[in-house]
C-alpha atoms as a PDB file:
ATOM      1  CA  MET A   1      31.041  -3.543  26.348  1.00  0.00           C
ATOM      2  CA  ALA A   2      29.971  -6.011  29.050  1.00  0.00           C
ATOM      3  CA  ASP A   3      26.316  -5.447  28.123  1.00  0.00           C
ATOM      4  CA  GLU A   4      26.918  -6.483  24.526  1.00  0.00           C
ATOM      5  CA  ARG A   5      24.396  -9.075  23.373  1.00  0.00           C
ATOM      6  CA  LYS A   6      24.879 -11.945  20.965  1.00  0.00           C
ATOM      7  CA  ILE A   7      22.431 -12.251  18.116  1.00  0.00           C
ATOM      8  CA  SER A   8      20.716 -15.614  17.997  1.00  0.00           C
ATOM      9  CA  MET A   9      19.825 -17.486  14.826  1.00  0.00           C
ATOM     10  CA  ALA A  10      16.139 -17.122  15.754  1.00  0.00           C
ATOM     11  CA  GLU A  11      16.489 -13.336  15.684  1.00  0.00           C
ATOM     12  CA  VAL A  12      18.259 -13.492  12.330  1.00  0.00           C
ATOM     13  CA  ARG A  13      15.534 -15.730  10.864  1.00  0.00           C
ATOM     14  CA  LYS A  14      12.808 -13.436  12.251  1.00  0.00           C
ATOM     15  CA  THR A  15      14.493 -10.367  10.732  1.00  0.00           C
ATOM     16  CA  ILE A  16      14.943 -12.068   7.361  1.00  0.00           C
ATOM     17  CA  SER A  17      11.338 -13.285   7.308  1.00  0.00           C
ATOM     18  CA  THR A  18      10.057  -9.814   8.214  1.00  0.00           C
ATOM     19  CA  SER A  19      12.154  -8.265   5.447  1.00  0.00           C
ATOM     20  CA  LEU A  20      10.906 -10.803   2.916  1.00  0.00           C
ATOM     21  CA  ALA A  21       7.306 -10.206   3.962  1.00  0.00           C
ATOM     22  CA  ALA A  22       7.810  -6.463   3.458  1.00  0.00           C
ATOM     23  CA  ALA A  23       9.356  -7.088   0.032  1.00  0.00           C
ATOM     24  CA  PHE A  24       6.464  -9.336  -0.972  1.00  0.00           C
ATOM     25  CA  GLY A  25       4.031  -6.680   0.245  1.00  0.00           C
ATOM     26  CA  PHE A  26       5.787  -4.102  -1.912  1.00  0.00           C
ATOM     27  CA  VAL A  27       5.442  -6.328  -4.983  1.00  0.00           C
ATOM     28  CA  ILE A  28       1.757  -6.837  -4.204  1.00  0.00           C
ATOM     29  CA  ALA A  29       1.306  -3.061  -3.843  1.00  0.00           C
ATOM     30  CA  LEU A  30       2.895  -2.483  -7.242  1.00  0.00           C
ATOM     31  CA  LEU A  31       0.529  -5.004  -8.811  1.00  0.00           C
ATOM     32  CA  TRP A  32      -2.499  -3.447  -7.138  1.00  0.00           C
ATOM     33  CA  ASN A  33      -1.358  -0.036  -8.361  1.00  0.00           C
ATOM     34  CA  ASN A  34      -1.829  -1.312 -11.915  1.00  0.00           C
ATOM     35  CA  VAL A  35      -5.213  -2.816 -11.048  1.00  0.00           C
ATOM     36  CA  VAL A  36      -6.490   0.423  -9.499  1.00  0.00           C
ATOM     37  CA  THR A  37      -5.095   2.588 -12.311  1.00  0.00           C
ATOM     38  CA  GLY A  38      -6.668   0.292 -14.908  1.00  0.00           C
ATOM     39  CA  GLY A  39      -9.972   0.367 -13.053  1.00  0.00           C
ATOM     40  CA  LEU A  40      -9.945   4.149 -13.005  1.00  0.00           C
ATOM     41  CA  LYS A  41      -9.263   4.228 -16.753  1.00  0.00           C
ATOM     42  CA  VAL A  42     -12.150   1.810 -17.354  1.00  0.00           C
ATOM     43  CA  ALA A  43     -14.365   4.105 -15.263  1.00  0.00           C
ATOM     44  CA  GLY A  44     -13.366   7.031 -17.476  1.00  0.00           C
ATOM     45  CA  VAL A  45     -11.079   8.779 -14.974  1.00  0.00           C
ATOM     46  CA  ASP A  46      -8.029  10.259 -16.700  1.00  0.00           C
ATOM     47  CA  THR A  47      -4.966   9.150 -14.747  1.00  0.00           C
ATOM     48  CA  THR A  48      -2.393  11.278 -16.563  1.00  0.00           C
ATOM     49  CA  PHE A  49      -1.235  14.714 -15.525  1.00  0.00           C
ATOM     50  CA  ALA A  50      -1.061  16.056 -19.092  1.00  0.00           C
ATOM     51  CA  ASN A  51      -2.542  19.551 -19.396  1.00  0.00           C
ATOM     52  CA  ILE A  52      -3.837  19.521 -15.830  1.00  0.00           C
ATOM     53  CA  THR A  53      -5.990  22.431 -14.691  1.00  0.00           C
ATOM     54  CA  PRO A  54      -6.845  23.476 -11.146  1.00  0.00           C
ATOM     55  CA  ILE A  55     -10.235  21.776 -11.517  1.00  0.00           C
ATOM     56  CA  GLY A  56      -8.532  18.623 -12.803  1.00  0.00           C
ATOM     57  CA  TRP A  57      -6.157  18.689  -9.837  1.00  0.00           C
ATOM     58  CA  ILE A  58      -9.100  18.922  -7.461  1.00  0.00           C
ATOM     59  CA  GLY A  59     -10.568  15.883  -9.211  1.00  0.00           C
ATOM     60  CA  TYR A  60      -7.337  13.964  -8.563  1.00  0.00           C
ATOM     61  CA  LEU A  61      -7.369  15.080  -4.948  1.00  0.00           C
ATOM     62  CA  VAL A  62     -10.975  13.964  -4.412  1.00  0.00           C
ATOM     63  CA  THR A  63     -10.290  10.638  -6.148  1.00  0.00           C
ATOM     64  CA  ALA A  64      -7.211  10.036  -3.988  1.00  0.00           C
ATOM     65  CA  LEU A  65      -9.103  10.893  -0.807  1.00  0.00           C
ATOM     66  CA  VAL A  66     -12.024   8.611  -1.651  1.00  0.00           C
ATOM     67  CA  ILE A  67      -9.757   5.703  -2.553  1.00  0.00           C
ATOM     68  CA  THR A  68      -7.719   6.266   0.623  1.00  0.00           C
ATOM     69  CA  VAL A  69     -10.820   6.177   2.820  1.00  0.00           C
ATOM     70  CA  VAL A  70     -12.092   3.035   1.086  1.00  0.00           C
ATOM     71  CA  MET A  71      -8.703   1.328   1.511  1.00  0.00           C
ATOM     72  CA  ILE A  72      -8.551   2.260   5.211  1.00  0.00           C
ATOM     73  CA  VAL A  73     -12.020   0.809   5.759  1.00  0.00           C
ATOM     74  CA  LEU A  74     -10.978  -2.370   3.944  1.00  0.00           C
ATOM     75  CA  ILE A  75      -7.799  -2.624   6.019  1.00  0.00           C
ATOM     76  CA  ILE A  76      -9.850  -2.337   9.230  1.00  0.00           C
ATOM     77  CA  VAL A  77     -12.413  -4.909   8.065  1.00  0.00           C
ATOM     78  CA  ILE A  78      -9.773  -7.386   6.899  1.00  0.00           C
ATOM     79  CA  GLY A  79      -7.733  -6.826  10.073  1.00  0.00           C
ATOM     80  CA  ARG A  80     -10.752  -7.646  12.238  1.00  0.00           C
ATOM     81  CA  TRP A  81     -11.553 -10.678  10.102  1.00  0.00           C
ATOM     82  CA  GLY A  82      -7.976 -11.898  10.343  1.00  0.00           C
ATOM     83  CA  SER A  83      -7.859 -11.561  14.122  1.00  0.00           C
ATOM     84  CA  LYS A  84     -10.857 -13.860  14.687  1.00  0.00           C
END
């Protein structure tokens, strides 16, 4: 009990600001989900799972992998730009 630490107001503010930033990021992600889904529909990619076949599932898998790789590259590029 002697090693118990008091929480400072600075720590509380930092925790609250981190939580709010995460919440804002979640909202942004939800918005971008709609943008990406709409873009795929415009490009003619069916984004529903109605009557999916094994070939259709492979198409979803390839699409998800490509988008994931593109997003990772963008995260790296933006991270490097932001650290300058």
